Amino acid sequence: MRCPFCGNVDTQVKDSRPAEDHVAIRRRRFCPACGGRFTTYERVQLRDLVVIKTSGRREEFDRSKLERSIRIAMQKRPVETERIDQMISGIVRRLESLGDTDIPSKRIGEITMEALARIDTVAYVRFASVYMNFQAVGDFDKFMSELRPTSTPDEG
């Protein structure tokens, strides 16, 4: 593994342990050339996924991009980091098990929103506001009214 600080390719693993509910291995590494320490994660990748953007453009699926957007939505929410990591791993596993290597970005957004809705409603709304491209307060109102259960007045 190349050192991110000096570029040396001869780095040493100092510690390995399971991470993300045993779906990844976290490795602490040391670079003897510059003394730098860094962490890497090793995960199983079932297949190479390709994202089909709404414009028709194709790009390689990037787990870190998904993770970044989820972490932004979850910012300052009372959800443990480990739970977020498990959710991200679950989303990726679900995408890999869809059976097709070409996945529309819309499907990735839908799966992500489902996962967020189960964990934190505020993060779900934050993600949805970007994903669904809310332009005005009315967009939020409409979305929130769909989230709220409809109450019927008591008859009697």
N, C-alpha and C. Protein backbone atom coordinates (compact mmCIF):
# COMPACT_ATOMS: atom_id res chain seq x y z
N MET A 1 0.86 -1.18 0.00
CA MET A 1 0.00 0.00 0.00
C MET A 1 0.90 1.23 0.00
N ARG A 2 0.62 2.14 -0.90
CA ARG A 2 1.42 3.37 -1.04
C ARG A 2 1.12 4.33 0.12
N CYS A 3 2.18 4.92 0.67
CA CYS A 3 2.04 5.89 1.75
C CYS A 3 1.42 7.17 1.20
N PRO A 4 0.35 7.67 1.82
CA PRO A 4 -0.30 8.89 1.31
C PRO A 4 0.53 10.15 1.58
N PHE A 5 1.55 10.05 2.42
CA PHE A 5 2.36 11.21 2.77
C PHE A 5 3.59 11.37 1.89
N CYS A 6 4.33 10.26 1.68
CA CYS A 6 5.58 10.37 0.90
C CYS A 6 5.58 9.54 -0.38
N GLY A 7 4.57 8.67 -0.56
CA GLY A 7 4.50 7.88 -1.79
C GLY A 7 5.26 6.58 -1.74
N ASN A 8 5.92 6.28 -0.64
CA ASN A 8 6.67 5.03 -0.50
C ASN A 8 5.70 3.84 -0.64
N VAL A 9 6.10 2.83 -1.43
CA VAL A 9 5.21 1.68 -1.64
C VAL A 9 5.45 0.58 -0.63
N ASP A 10 6.46 0.70 0.20
CA ASP A 10 6.80 -0.33 1.18
C ASP A 10 6.33 0.08 2.57
N THR A 11 5.01 -0.06 2.83
CA THR A 11 4.47 0.28 4.14
C THR A 11 4.20 -1.01 4.91
N GLN A 12 4.09 -0.88 6.23
CA GLN A 12 3.91 -2.05 7.08
C GLN A 12 2.57 -2.00 7.79
N VAL A 13 1.92 -3.17 7.91
CA VAL A 13 0.68 -3.27 8.68
C VAL A 13 1.06 -3.47 10.14
N LYS A 14 0.57 -2.60 11.00
CA LYS A 14 0.86 -2.68 12.44
C LYS A 14 -0.27 -3.35 13.21
N ASP A 15 -1.51 -3.21 12.72
CA ASP A 15 -2.66 -3.76 13.44
C ASP A 15 -3.80 -4.00 12.46
N SER A 16 -4.46 -5.13 12.58
CA SER A 16 -5.64 -5.45 11.76
C SER A 16 -6.76 -5.87 12.68
N ARG A 17 -7.96 -5.40 12.39
CA ARG A 17 -9.13 -5.83 13.17
C ARG A 17 -10.39 -5.69 12.32
N PRO A 18 -11.42 -6.47 12.66
CA PRO A 18 -12.68 -6.37 11.91
C PRO A 18 -13.30 -4.99 12.11
N ALA A 19 -14.01 -4.54 11.10
CA ALA A 19 -14.70 -3.25 11.17
C ALA A 19 -16.06 -3.39 10.49
N GLU A 20 -16.91 -2.41 10.73
CA GLU A 20 -18.23 -2.35 10.08
C GLU A 20 -18.99 -3.67 10.21
N ASP A 21 -19.08 -4.14 11.44
CA ASP A 21 -19.82 -5.36 11.73
C ASP A 21 -19.29 -6.56 10.96
N HIS A 22 -17.97 -6.66 10.90
CA HIS A 22 -17.26 -7.78 10.28
C HIS A 22 -17.42 -7.87 8.76
N VAL A 23 -17.73 -6.77 8.10
CA VAL A 23 -17.78 -6.80 6.63
C VAL A 23 -16.56 -6.11 6.03
N ALA A 24 -15.67 -5.61 6.88
CA ALA A 24 -14.45 -4.96 6.42
C ALA A 24 -13.33 -5.25 7.42
N ILE A 25 -12.10 -5.03 6.97
CA ILE A 25 -10.95 -5.15 7.86
C ILE A 25 -10.28 -3.79 7.90
N ARG A 26 -10.06 -3.31 9.11
CA ARG A 26 -9.40 -2.02 9.32
C ARG A 26 -7.93 -2.33 9.60
N ARG A 27 -7.05 -1.70 8.82
CA ARG A 27 -5.62 -1.94 9.00
C ARG A 27 -4.92 -0.62 9.34
N ARG A 28 -4.19 -0.62 10.45
CA ARG A 28 -3.35 0.52 10.80
C ARG A 28 -2.00 0.27 10.16
N ARG A 29 -1.51 1.25 9.42
CA ARG A 29 -0.25 1.08 8.69
C ARG A 29 0.77 2.12 9.12
N PHE A 30 2.04 1.77 8.87
CA PHE A 30 3.16 2.62 9.22
C PHE A 30 4.11 2.68 8.04
N CYS A 31 4.63 3.86 7.74
CA CYS A 31 5.60 4.02 6.66
C CYS A 31 6.99 4.19 7.27
N PRO A 32 7.89 3.24 7.04
CA PRO A 32 9.23 3.35 7.61
C PRO A 32 10.04 4.50 6.99
N ALA A 33 9.68 4.92 5.79
CA ALA A 33 10.44 5.98 5.12
C ALA A 33 10.21 7.36 5.77
N CYS A 34 8.93 7.69 6.06
CA CYS A 34 8.64 9.02 6.60
C CYS A 34 8.09 8.98 8.02
N GLY A 35 7.77 7.78 8.52
CA GLY A 35 7.23 7.65 9.87
C GLY A 35 5.73 7.91 9.94
N GLY A 36 5.08 8.12 8.79
CA GLY A 36 3.65 8.40 8.76
C GLY A 36 2.81 7.19 9.16
N ARG A 37 1.68 7.46 9.79
CA ARG A 37 0.73 6.42 10.16
C ARG A 37 -0.60 6.72 9.47
N PHE A 38 -1.25 5.68 8.96
CA PHE A 38 -2.54 5.87 8.30
C PHE A 38 -3.35 4.59 8.40
N THR A 39 -4.63 4.69 8.08
CA THR A 39 -5.56 3.57 8.18
C THR A 39 -6.11 3.24 6.80
N THR A 40 -6.23 1.95 6.53
CA THR A 40 -6.88 1.50 5.30
C THR A 40 -8.00 0.53 5.68
N TYR A 41 -8.96 0.38 4.77
CA TYR A 41 -10.06 -0.56 4.97
C TYR A 41 -10.10 -1.50 3.78
N GLU A 42 -10.30 -2.78 4.07
CA GLU A 42 -10.40 -3.79 3.03
C GLU A 42 -11.80 -4.36 3.08
N ARG A 43 -12.49 -4.36 1.91
CA ARG A 43 -13.86 -4.86 1.83
C ARG A 43 -14.00 -5.82 0.67
N VAL A 44 -14.96 -6.70 0.77
CA VAL A 44 -15.28 -7.59 -0.33
C VAL A 44 -16.06 -6.79 -1.37
N GLN A 45 -15.69 -6.96 -2.63
CA GLN A 45 -16.42 -6.31 -3.71
C GLN A 45 -16.91 -7.41 -4.63
N LEU A 46 -18.23 -7.60 -4.67
CA LEU A 46 -18.79 -8.70 -5.45
C LEU A 46 -18.69 -8.45 -6.95
N ARG A 47 -18.94 -7.24 -7.36
CA ARG A 47 -18.85 -6.92 -8.79
C ARG A 47 -18.59 -5.43 -8.95
N ASP A 48 -18.06 -5.06 -10.10
CA ASP A 48 -17.83 -3.66 -10.40
C ASP A 48 -19.14 -3.03 -10.86
N LEU A 49 -19.61 -2.07 -10.10
CA LEU A 49 -20.87 -1.41 -10.41
C LEU A 49 -20.63 -0.15 -11.24
N VAL A 50 -21.57 0.12 -12.14
CA VAL A 50 -21.52 1.32 -12.96
C VAL A 50 -22.81 2.09 -12.71
N VAL A 51 -22.66 3.39 -12.43
CA VAL A 51 -23.82 4.24 -12.17
C VAL A 51 -24.23 4.90 -13.49
N ILE A 52 -25.53 4.80 -13.80
CA ILE A 52 -26.08 5.46 -14.99
C ILE A 52 -26.74 6.75 -14.50
N LYS A 53 -26.12 7.88 -14.82
CA LYS A 53 -26.64 9.17 -14.39
C LYS A 53 -27.90 9.52 -15.19
N THR A 54 -28.68 10.49 -14.70
CA THR A 54 -29.91 10.88 -15.39
C THR A 54 -29.62 11.44 -16.78
N SER A 55 -28.41 11.98 -16.96
CA SER A 55 -28.02 12.50 -18.27
C SER A 55 -27.64 11.39 -19.24
N GLY A 56 -27.54 10.16 -18.72
CA GLY A 56 -27.14 9.03 -19.56
C GLY A 56 -25.65 8.72 -19.41
N ARG A 57 -24.91 9.63 -18.78
CA ARG A 57 -23.48 9.42 -18.58
C ARG A 57 -23.28 8.24 -17.63
N ARG A 58 -22.20 7.50 -17.86
CA ARG A 58 -21.87 6.34 -17.03
C ARG A 58 -20.60 6.64 -16.25
N GLU A 59 -20.60 6.25 -14.97
CA GLU A 59 -19.38 6.38 -14.19
C GLU A 59 -19.30 5.24 -13.19
N GLU A 60 -18.08 4.92 -12.82
CA GLU A 60 -17.85 3.83 -11.88
C GLU A 60 -18.45 4.20 -10.52
N PHE A 61 -19.10 3.23 -9.88
CA PHE A 61 -19.67 3.46 -8.55
C PHE A 61 -18.55 3.77 -7.57
N ASP A 62 -18.75 4.79 -6.76
CA ASP A 62 -17.75 5.22 -5.79
C ASP A 62 -18.37 5.20 -4.40
N ARG A 63 -18.00 4.20 -3.62
CA ARG A 63 -18.54 4.06 -2.27
C ARG A 63 -18.29 5.31 -1.44
N SER A 64 -17.13 5.91 -1.59
CA SER A 64 -16.80 7.09 -0.78
C SER A 64 -17.72 8.27 -1.10
N LYS A 65 -18.21 8.35 -2.32
CA LYS A 65 -19.15 9.41 -2.69
C LYS A 65 -20.49 9.20 -1.97
N LEU A 66 -20.96 7.97 -1.95
CA LEU A 66 -22.18 7.62 -1.22
C LEU A 66 -21.99 7.91 0.26
N GLU A 67 -20.86 7.48 0.80
CA GLU A 67 -20.58 7.68 2.22
C GLU A 67 -20.54 9.16 2.58
N ARG A 68 -19.92 9.96 1.74
CA ARG A 68 -19.82 11.40 1.98
C ARG A 68 -21.20 12.05 2.04
N SER A 69 -22.08 11.71 1.10
CA SER A 69 -23.41 12.32 1.08
C SER A 69 -24.24 11.88 2.28
N ILE A 70 -24.09 10.63 2.70
CA ILE A 70 -24.82 10.14 3.87
C ILE A 70 -24.30 10.82 5.13
N ARG A 71 -22.99 10.95 5.25
CA ARG A 71 -22.42 11.59 6.44
C ARG A 71 -22.82 13.07 6.53
N ILE A 72 -22.97 13.73 5.41
CA ILE A 72 -23.44 15.12 5.42
C ILE A 72 -24.88 15.16 5.94
N ALA A 73 -25.71 14.25 5.46
CA ALA A 73 -27.11 14.21 5.91
C ALA A 73 -27.20 13.87 7.40
N MET A 74 -26.27 13.04 7.89
CA MET A 74 -26.30 12.59 9.28
C MET A 74 -25.55 13.52 10.24
N GLN A 75 -24.97 14.58 9.70
CA GLN A 75 -24.17 15.49 10.51
C GLN A 75 -24.94 16.00 11.73
N LYS A 76 -24.31 15.88 12.89
CA LYS A 76 -24.85 16.34 14.17
C LYS A 76 -26.14 15.63 14.59
N ARG A 77 -26.36 14.44 14.06
CA ARG A 77 -27.51 13.64 14.46
C ARG A 77 -27.05 12.61 15.50
N PRO A 78 -27.93 12.22 16.40
CA PRO A 78 -27.53 11.30 17.49
C PRO A 78 -27.51 9.84 17.03
N VAL A 79 -26.72 9.56 16.01
CA VAL A 79 -26.61 8.19 15.49
C VAL A 79 -25.13 7.81 15.54
N GLU A 80 -24.85 6.64 16.08
CA GLU A 80 -23.47 6.18 16.24
C GLU A 80 -22.82 5.96 14.88
N THR A 81 -21.52 6.28 14.82
CA THR A 81 -20.74 6.11 13.59
C THR A 81 -20.80 4.67 13.10
N GLU A 82 -20.75 3.74 14.01
CA GLU A 82 -20.79 2.32 13.64
C GLU A 82 -22.10 1.97 12.94
N ARG A 83 -23.18 2.55 13.41
CA ARG A 83 -24.50 2.29 12.79
C ARG A 83 -24.55 2.87 11.37
N ILE A 84 -23.94 4.04 11.20
CA ILE A 84 -23.88 4.66 9.87
C ILE A 84 -23.05 3.78 8.93
N ASP A 85 -21.90 3.30 9.42
CA ASP A 85 -21.05 2.41 8.60
C ASP A 85 -21.80 1.15 8.20
N GLN A 86 -22.56 0.57 9.13
CA GLN A 86 -23.35 -0.62 8.83
C GLN A 86 -24.40 -0.33 7.77
N MET A 87 -25.03 0.85 7.87
CA MET A 87 -26.04 1.23 6.89
C MET A 87 -25.42 1.36 5.50
N ILE A 88 -24.27 2.00 5.42
CA ILE A 88 -23.59 2.18 4.13
C ILE A 88 -23.21 0.83 3.54
N SER A 89 -22.67 -0.05 4.36
CA SER A 89 -22.31 -1.40 3.89
C SER A 89 -23.55 -2.15 3.41
N GLY A 90 -24.65 -1.99 4.12
CA GLY A 90 -25.90 -2.62 3.71
C GLY A 90 -26.41 -2.12 2.38
N ILE A 91 -26.30 -0.81 2.16
CA ILE A 91 -26.72 -0.22 0.88
C ILE A 91 -25.87 -0.78 -0.25
N VAL A 92 -24.55 -0.83 -0.04
CA VAL A 92 -23.65 -1.33 -1.08
C VAL A 92 -23.93 -2.81 -1.37
N ARG A 93 -24.13 -3.60 -0.31
CA ARG A 93 -24.46 -5.02 -0.52
C ARG A 93 -25.76 -5.17 -1.31
N ARG A 94 -26.73 -4.34 -0.98
CA ARG A 94 -28.01 -4.40 -1.69
C ARG A 94 -27.83 -4.04 -3.17
N LEU A 95 -27.01 -3.02 -3.44
CA LEU A 95 -26.75 -2.63 -4.83
C LEU A 95 -26.05 -3.76 -5.58
N GLU A 96 -25.07 -4.39 -4.91
CA GLU A 96 -24.33 -5.48 -5.55
C GLU A 96 -25.21 -6.70 -5.79
N SER A 97 -26.23 -6.88 -4.98
CA SER A 97 -27.09 -8.06 -5.13
C SER A 97 -28.28 -7.83 -6.05
N LEU A 98 -28.38 -6.64 -6.66
CA LEU A 98 -29.49 -6.38 -7.57
C LEU A 98 -29.43 -7.25 -8.82
N GLY A 99 -28.26 -7.80 -9.12
CA GLY A 99 -28.13 -8.69 -10.26
C GLY A 99 -27.63 -8.01 -11.52
N ASP A 100 -27.60 -6.71 -11.55
CA ASP A 100 -27.13 -5.99 -12.72
C ASP A 100 -25.96 -5.10 -12.31
N THR A 101 -24.97 -4.98 -13.17
CA THR A 101 -23.83 -4.12 -12.83
C THR A 101 -24.12 -2.66 -13.16
N ASP A 102 -25.09 -2.39 -14.04
CA ASP A 102 -25.48 -1.02 -14.38
C ASP A 102 -26.67 -0.62 -13.53
N ILE A 103 -26.47 0.40 -12.70
CA ILE A 103 -27.53 0.81 -11.77
C ILE A 103 -27.85 2.29 -11.98
N PRO A 104 -29.11 2.61 -12.24
CA PRO A 104 -29.49 4.03 -12.40
C PRO A 104 -29.26 4.78 -11.09
N SER A 105 -28.78 6.01 -11.18
CA SER A 105 -28.53 6.82 -9.99
C SER A 105 -29.82 7.01 -9.19
N LYS A 106 -30.94 7.03 -9.89
CA LYS A 106 -32.24 7.17 -9.21
C LYS A 106 -32.46 6.01 -8.25
N ARG A 107 -32.11 4.80 -8.65
CA ARG A 107 -32.29 3.62 -7.80
C ARG A 107 -31.39 3.71 -6.56
N ILE A 108 -30.17 4.18 -6.75
CA ILE A 108 -29.25 4.34 -5.61
C ILE A 108 -29.84 5.35 -4.62
N GLY A 109 -30.39 6.44 -5.13
CA GLY A 109 -31.01 7.45 -4.27
C GLY A 109 -32.20 6.89 -3.51
N GLU A 110 -33.02 6.09 -4.18
CA GLU A 110 -34.19 5.50 -3.52
C GLU A 110 -33.78 4.54 -2.41
N ILE A 111 -32.80 3.70 -2.67
CA ILE A 111 -32.33 2.74 -1.67
C ILE A 111 -31.72 3.49 -0.48
N THR A 112 -30.97 4.54 -0.76
CA THR A 112 -30.35 5.33 0.30
C THR A 112 -31.42 6.01 1.15
N MET A 113 -32.45 6.56 0.50
CA MET A 113 -33.52 7.22 1.25
C MET A 113 -34.27 6.23 2.12
N GLU A 114 -34.51 5.02 1.63
CA GLU A 114 -35.17 3.99 2.44
C GLU A 114 -34.36 3.70 3.70
N ALA A 115 -33.04 3.55 3.53
CA ALA A 115 -32.17 3.25 4.67
C ALA A 115 -32.15 4.40 5.67
N LEU A 116 -32.06 5.62 5.17
CA LEU A 116 -32.05 6.79 6.06
C LEU A 116 -33.37 6.95 6.80
N ALA A 117 -34.47 6.68 6.13
CA ALA A 117 -35.79 6.81 6.76
C ALA A 117 -35.93 5.88 7.96
N ARG A 118 -35.29 4.71 7.88
CA ARG A 118 -35.36 3.75 8.99
C ARG A 118 -34.50 4.19 10.18
N ILE A 119 -33.48 4.98 9.93
CA ILE A 119 -32.54 5.34 11.00
C ILE A 119 -32.80 6.72 11.60
N ASP A 120 -33.03 7.74 10.75
CA ASP A 120 -33.18 9.10 11.28
C ASP A 120 -33.99 9.94 10.29
N THR A 121 -35.15 10.41 10.74
CA THR A 121 -36.05 11.17 9.87
C THR A 121 -35.45 12.48 9.41
N VAL A 122 -34.72 13.16 10.29
CA VAL A 122 -34.11 14.44 9.92
C VAL A 122 -33.07 14.24 8.81
N ALA A 123 -32.24 13.23 8.96
CA ALA A 123 -31.24 12.93 7.93
C ALA A 123 -31.93 12.55 6.62
N TYR A 124 -33.03 11.83 6.73
CA TYR A 124 -33.81 11.44 5.56
C TYR A 124 -34.30 12.68 4.81
N VAL A 125 -34.84 13.66 5.54
CA VAL A 125 -35.34 14.89 4.91
C VAL A 125 -34.18 15.69 4.32
N ARG A 126 -33.06 15.75 5.03
CA ARG A 126 -31.88 16.47 4.51
C ARG A 126 -31.43 15.87 3.19
N PHE A 127 -31.30 14.53 3.17
CA PHE A 127 -30.85 13.85 1.96
C PHE A 127 -31.86 14.07 0.84
N ALA A 128 -33.14 13.93 1.16
CA ALA A 128 -34.19 14.08 0.16
C ALA A 128 -34.19 15.47 -0.43
N SER A 129 -33.90 16.49 0.37
CA SER A 129 -33.92 17.87 -0.13
C SER A 129 -32.88 18.08 -1.22
N VAL A 130 -31.74 17.39 -1.09
CA VAL A 130 -30.71 17.49 -2.13
C VAL A 130 -31.03 16.55 -3.28
N TYR A 131 -31.36 15.31 -2.95
CA TYR A 131 -31.64 14.29 -3.96
C TYR A 131 -32.81 14.69 -4.86
N MET A 132 -33.87 15.23 -4.25
CA MET A 132 -35.06 15.61 -5.02
C MET A 132 -35.00 17.06 -5.50
N ASN A 133 -33.87 17.72 -5.22
CA ASN A 133 -33.61 19.06 -5.72
C ASN A 133 -34.69 20.07 -5.34
N PHE A 134 -34.99 20.15 -4.03
CA PHE A 134 -35.97 21.11 -3.56
C PHE A 134 -35.52 22.52 -3.92
N GLN A 135 -36.43 23.31 -4.46
CA GLN A 135 -36.09 24.67 -4.89
C GLN A 135 -36.70 25.74 -4.00
N ALA A 136 -37.77 25.41 -3.29
CA ALA A 136 -38.48 26.41 -2.49
C ALA A 136 -39.06 25.75 -1.24
N VAL A 137 -39.52 26.59 -0.33
CA VAL A 137 -40.11 26.10 0.91
C VAL A 137 -41.32 25.21 0.61
N GLY A 138 -42.05 25.52 -0.43
CA GLY A 138 -43.22 24.72 -0.81
C GLY A 138 -42.85 23.27 -1.10
N ASP A 139 -41.64 23.07 -1.64
CA ASP A 139 -41.18 21.70 -1.90
C ASP A 139 -41.03 20.93 -0.58
N PHE A 140 -40.49 21.62 0.43
CA PHE A 140 -40.36 21.00 1.76
C PHE A 140 -41.74 20.70 2.34
N ASP A 141 -42.64 21.68 2.23
CA ASP A 141 -44.00 21.51 2.78
C ASP A 141 -44.69 20.30 2.16
N LYS A 142 -44.61 20.19 0.86
CA LYS A 142 -45.25 19.08 0.16
C LYS A 142 -44.64 17.74 0.61
N PHE A 143 -43.33 17.70 0.67
CA PHE A 143 -42.64 16.49 1.09
C PHE A 143 -42.99 16.12 2.53
N MET A 144 -42.99 17.10 3.41
CA MET A 144 -43.29 16.85 4.83
C MET A 144 -44.74 16.43 5.02
N SER A 145 -45.65 16.98 4.23
CA SER A 145 -47.06 16.58 4.37
C SER A 145 -47.25 15.12 3.97
N GLU A 146 -46.42 14.64 3.06
CA GLU A 146 -46.49 13.23 2.67
C GLU A 146 -45.93 12.33 3.77
N LEU A 147 -45.01 12.86 4.59
CA LEU A 147 -44.43 12.09 5.68
C LEU A 147 -45.36 11.97 6.88
N ARG A 148 -46.12 13.04 7.12
CA ARG A 148 -46.99 13.06 8.29
C ARG A 148 -48.20 12.15 8.08
N PRO A 149 -48.55 11.40 9.11
CA PRO A 149 -49.75 10.56 8.98
C PRO A 149 -50.99 11.46 8.96
N THR A 150 -51.94 11.08 8.15
CA THR A 150 -53.17 11.88 8.07
C THR A 150 -54.03 11.55 9.27
N SER A 151 -54.49 12.58 9.95
CA SER A 151 -55.33 12.35 11.12
C SER A 151 -56.78 12.68 10.76
N THR A 152 -57.65 11.84 11.19
CA THR A 152 -59.07 12.06 10.94
C THR A 152 -59.73 12.52 12.23
N PRO A 153 -60.63 13.49 12.16
CA PRO A 153 -61.28 13.97 13.38
C PRO A 153 -62.15 12.85 13.96
N ASP A 154 -62.19 12.81 15.28
CA ASP A 154 -63.00 11.79 15.97
C ASP A 154 -64.49 12.03 15.68
N GLU A 155 -65.13 10.94 15.34
CA GLU A 155 -66.59 11.03 15.10
C GLU A 155 -67.29 10.67 16.39
N GLY A 156 -68.15 11.48 16.86
CA GLY A 156 -68.87 11.05 18.03
C GLY A 156 -69.10 12.12 18.96
